Amino acid sequence: MIRREIVVGIVVAVSLIVASVAVADRAPNRVERAGILEALNLEGRGPDCGTYPPGSCRIYVRVSTADSHWAAVFIGPSGKQKFVQPDVATVHLRRGKWSVHQVGNGGGCGVPGRVQRDLRLACY
């Protein structure tokens, strides 16, 4: 009986390790973040907190570890706010410049599958 519990414990531990490795996006460095947000601002597209009261929303930027040429920008509520409409934009690094790939619709349409999983994107 004890042997079975040990095996189950090991299986659960390995599953958790594999799951944590499967999704491993990261925060951008200062230069990446500036370039990603600049691309969204230049094109006038993407998540924006400007339409919400100050302090009610937050912009999250994540870079894929599966392919660092892809990143996602998420908008979400800050703190306990409930009225911020979540949104997402994906950006792609080409020739040293970030450009907007998609805004809305889950952000994952036309994005490589491993990047889509890493950044938790969808396509609808």
C-alpha atoms as a PDB file:
ATOM      1  CA  MET A   1       0.000   0.000   0.000  1.00  0.00           C
ATOM      2  CA  ILE A   2       2.821   2.407   0.852  1.00  0.00           C
ATOM      3  CA  ARG A   3       4.591   1.552  -2.394  1.00  0.00           C
ATOM      4  CA  ARG A   4       1.460   2.534  -4.380  1.00  0.00           C
ATOM      5  CA  GLU A   5       1.262   5.903  -2.576  1.00  0.00           C
ATOM      6  CA  ILE A   6       4.906   6.594  -3.362  1.00  0.00           C
ATOM      7  CA  VAL A   7       4.373   5.803  -7.065  1.00  0.00           C
ATOM      8  CA  VAL A   8       1.277   8.046  -7.183  1.00  0.00           C
ATOM      9  CA  GLY A   9       3.250  10.837  -5.471  1.00  0.00           C
ATOM     10  CA  ILE A  10       6.071  10.554  -7.988  1.00  0.00           C
ATOM     11  CA  VAL A  11       3.655  10.601 -10.939  1.00  0.00           C
ATOM     12  CA  VAL A  12       1.946  13.730  -9.575  1.00  0.00           C
ATOM     13  CA  ALA A  13       5.293  15.471  -8.981  1.00  0.00           C
ATOM     14  CA  VAL A  14       6.534  14.687 -12.499  1.00  0.00           C
ATOM     15  CA  SER A  15       3.217  15.882 -13.979  1.00  0.00           C
ATOM     16  CA  LEU A  16       3.537  19.202 -12.175  1.00  0.00           C
ATOM     17  CA  ILE A  17       7.107  19.662 -13.377  1.00  0.00           C
ATOM     18  CA  VAL A  18       6.148  18.896 -16.990  1.00  0.00           C
ATOM     19  CA  ALA A  19       3.163  21.258 -16.797  1.00  0.00           C
ATOM     20  CA  SER A  20       5.302  24.096 -15.439  1.00  0.00           C
ATOM     21  CA  VAL A  21       7.865  23.645 -18.224  1.00  0.00           C
ATOM     22  CA  ALA A  22       5.172  23.536 -20.925  1.00  0.00           C
ATOM     23  CA  VAL A  23       4.070  27.097 -20.179  1.00  0.00           C
ATOM     24  CA  ALA A  24       7.110  29.202 -19.521  1.00  0.00           C
ATOM     25  CA  ASP A  25       6.568  32.704 -20.857  1.00  0.00           C
ATOM     26  CA  ARG A  26       8.613  35.482 -19.304  1.00  0.00           C
ATOM     27  CA  ALA A  27       8.503  39.182 -18.569  1.00  0.00           C
ATOM     28  CA  PRO A  28      10.202  41.325 -21.217  1.00  0.00           C
ATOM     29  CA  ASN A  29      13.382  43.197 -20.494  1.00  0.00           C
ATOM     30  CA  ARG A  30      13.253  47.008 -20.528  1.00  0.00           C
ATOM     31  CA  VAL A  31      14.198  47.311 -24.225  1.00  0.00           C
ATOM     32  CA  GLU A  32      11.751  44.607 -25.343  1.00  0.00           C
ATOM     33  CA  ARG A  33       8.881  46.146 -23.364  1.00  0.00           C
ATOM     34  CA  ALA A  34       9.541  49.597 -24.823  1.00  0.00           C
ATOM     35  CA  GLY A  35       9.653  48.203 -28.382  1.00  0.00           C
ATOM     36  CA  ILE A  36       6.514  46.108 -27.932  1.00  0.00           C
ATOM     37  CA  LEU A  37       4.472  48.969 -26.478  1.00  0.00           C
ATOM     38  CA  GLU A  38       5.848  51.371 -29.095  1.00  0.00           C
ATOM     39  CA  ALA A  39       4.637  49.060 -31.884  1.00  0.00           C
ATOM     40  CA  LEU A  40       1.126  49.077 -30.414  1.00  0.00           C
ATOM     41  CA  ASN A  41       1.137  52.850 -29.961  1.00  0.00           C
ATOM     42  CA  LEU A  42       2.509  53.582 -33.444  1.00  0.00           C
ATOM     43  CA  GLU A  43      -0.192  51.513 -35.089  1.00  0.00           C
ATOM     44  CA  GLY A  44      -2.888  52.847 -32.758  1.00  0.00           C
ATOM     45  CA  ARG A  45      -3.950  49.299 -32.002  1.00  0.00           C
ATOM     46  CA  GLY A  46      -3.949  46.985 -29.059  1.00  0.00           C
ATOM     47  CA  PRO A  47      -4.971  47.016 -25.441  1.00  0.00           C
ATOM     48  CA  ASP A  48      -5.237  50.458 -23.890  1.00  0.00           C
ATOM     49  CA  CYS A  49      -6.063  51.562 -20.341  1.00  0.00           C
ATOM     50  CA  GLY A  50      -6.811  55.112 -21.526  1.00  0.00           C
ATOM     51  CA  THR A  51     -10.558  54.522 -21.662  1.00  0.00           C
ATOM     52  CA  TYR A  52     -10.747  53.350 -18.049  1.00  0.00           C
ATOM     53  CA  PRO A  53     -10.511  55.329 -14.797  1.00  0.00           C
ATOM     54  CA  PRO A  54      -6.906  55.750 -13.569  1.00  0.00           C
ATOM     55  CA  GLY A  55      -5.656  52.730 -11.670  1.00  0.00           C
ATOM     56  CA  SER A  56      -8.503  50.432 -12.744  1.00  0.00           C
ATOM     57  CA  CYS A  57      -6.620  48.405 -15.344  1.00  0.00           C
ATOM     58  CA  ARG A  58      -3.166  47.076 -15.992  1.00  0.00           C
ATOM     59  CA  ILE A  59      -1.213  46.101 -19.089  1.00  0.00           C
ATOM     60  CA  TYR A  60       0.758  42.838 -18.888  1.00  0.00           C
ATOM     61  CA  VAL A  61       3.479  42.067 -21.428  1.00  0.00           C
ATOM     62  CA  ARG A  62       4.789  38.508 -21.802  1.00  0.00           C
ATOM     63  CA  VAL A  63       7.454  37.156 -24.171  1.00  0.00           C
ATOM     64  CA  SER A  64       7.364  33.565 -25.356  1.00  0.00           C
ATOM     65  CA  THR A  65      10.225  31.355 -24.229  1.00  0.00           C
ATOM     66  CA  ALA A  66       9.357  28.926 -27.015  1.00  0.00           C
ATOM     67  CA  ASP A  67      10.243  31.661 -29.551  1.00  0.00           C
ATOM     68  CA  SER A  68      11.371  35.047 -28.227  1.00  0.00           C
ATOM     69  CA  HIS A  69      10.299  36.691 -31.508  1.00  0.00           C
ATOM     70  CA  TRP A  70       6.710  36.512 -30.255  1.00  0.00           C
ATOM     71  CA  ALA A  71       5.060  38.379 -27.392  1.00  0.00           C
ATOM     72  CA  ALA A  72       1.578  39.074 -26.091  1.00  0.00           C
ATOM     73  CA  VAL A  73       0.139  42.177 -24.483  1.00  0.00           C
ATOM     74  CA  PHE A  74      -2.809  41.602 -22.183  1.00  0.00           C
ATOM     75  CA  ILE A  75      -5.101  44.148 -20.595  1.00  0.00           C
ATOM     76  CA  GLY A  76      -6.830  43.208 -17.393  1.00  0.00           C
ATOM     77  CA  PRO A  77      -8.301  44.644 -14.224  1.00  0.00           C
ATOM     78  CA  SER A  78      -6.049  46.078 -11.576  1.00  0.00           C
ATOM     79  CA  GLY A  79      -6.875  44.922  -8.078  1.00  0.00           C
ATOM     80  CA  LYS A  80     -10.519  44.076  -7.480  1.00  0.00           C
ATOM     81  CA  GLN A  81     -11.937  45.999 -10.441  1.00  0.00           C
ATOM     82  CA  LYS A  82     -14.561  44.056 -12.389  1.00  0.00           C
ATOM     83  CA  PHE A  83     -15.482  46.372 -15.254  1.00  0.00           C
ATOM     84  CA  VAL A  84     -12.281  46.161 -17.349  1.00  0.00           C
ATOM     85  CA  GLN A  85     -12.810  44.204 -20.564  1.00  0.00           C
ATOM     86  CA  PRO A  86      -9.898  41.731 -20.912  1.00  0.00           C
ATOM     87  CA  ASP A  87      -8.134  41.951 -24.272  1.00  0.00           C
ATOM     88  CA  VAL A  88      -4.977  40.658 -25.937  1.00  0.00           C
ATOM     89  CA  ALA A  89      -2.677  41.616 -28.794  1.00  0.00           C
ATOM     90  CA  THR A  90       0.195  39.620 -30.237  1.00  0.00           C
ATOM     91  CA  VAL A  91       3.344  41.165 -31.638  1.00  0.00           C
ATOM     92  CA  HIS A  92       6.154  39.676 -33.692  1.00  0.00           C
ATOM     93  CA  LEU A  93       9.812  40.724 -33.889  1.00  0.00           C
ATOM     94  CA  ARG A  94      11.049  41.006 -37.485  1.00  0.00           C
ATOM     95  CA  ARG A  95      14.316  42.558 -38.600  1.00  0.00           C
ATOM     96  CA  GLY A  96      14.835  44.036 -35.129  1.00  0.00           C
ATOM     97  CA  LYS A  97      11.422  45.755 -34.919  1.00  0.00           C
ATOM     98  CA  TRP A  98       8.262  44.651 -33.157  1.00  0.00           C
ATOM     99  CA  SER A  99       5.082  44.807 -35.231  1.00  0.00           C
ATOM    100  CA  VAL A 100       1.479  44.056 -34.372  1.00  0.00           C
ATOM    101  CA  HIS A 101       0.362  40.626 -35.520  1.00  0.00           C
ATOM    102  CA  GLN A 102      -3.206  40.464 -34.185  1.00  0.00           C
ATOM    103  CA  VAL A 103      -5.447  42.358 -31.811  1.00  0.00           C
ATOM    104  CA  GLY A 104      -8.344  40.588 -30.121  1.00  0.00           C
ATOM    105  CA  ASN A 105      -9.877  37.241 -31.058  1.00  0.00           C
ATOM    106  CA  GLY A 106      -7.662  35.476 -28.535  1.00  0.00           C
ATOM    107  CA  GLY A 107      -4.442  36.756 -30.136  1.00  0.00           C
ATOM    108  CA  GLY A 108      -3.412  33.330 -31.381  1.00  0.00           C
ATOM    109  CA  CYS A 109      -4.573  33.174 -35.000  1.00  0.00           C
ATOM    110  CA  GLY A 110      -1.590  32.507 -37.268  1.00  0.00           C
ATOM    111  CA  VAL A 111       0.780  32.149 -34.311  1.00  0.00           C
ATOM    112  CA  PRO A 112       2.943  28.991 -34.149  1.00  0.00           C
ATOM    113  CA  GLY A 113       1.341  26.338 -31.920  1.00  0.00           C
ATOM    114  CA  ARG A 114       4.182  26.192 -29.406  1.00  0.00           C
ATOM    115  CA  VAL A 115       4.024  29.989 -28.977  1.00  0.00           C
ATOM    116  CA  GLN A 116       0.237  29.852 -28.733  1.00  0.00           C
ATOM    117  CA  ARG A 117       0.505  27.340 -25.874  1.00  0.00           C
ATOM    118  CA  ASP A 118       3.358  29.184 -24.180  1.00  0.00           C
ATOM    119  CA  LEU A 119       1.516  32.517 -24.113  1.00  0.00           C
ATOM    120  CA  ARG A 120      -1.895  30.885 -23.498  1.00  0.00           C
ATOM    121  CA  LEU A 121      -3.427  32.324 -26.647  1.00  0.00           C
ATOM    122  CA  ALA A 122      -6.518  31.207 -28.515  1.00  0.00           C
ATOM    123  CA  CYS A 123      -7.918  31.808 -31.983  1.00  0.00           C
ATOM    124  CA  TYR A 124     -11.610  32.526 -32.403  1.00  0.00           C
END
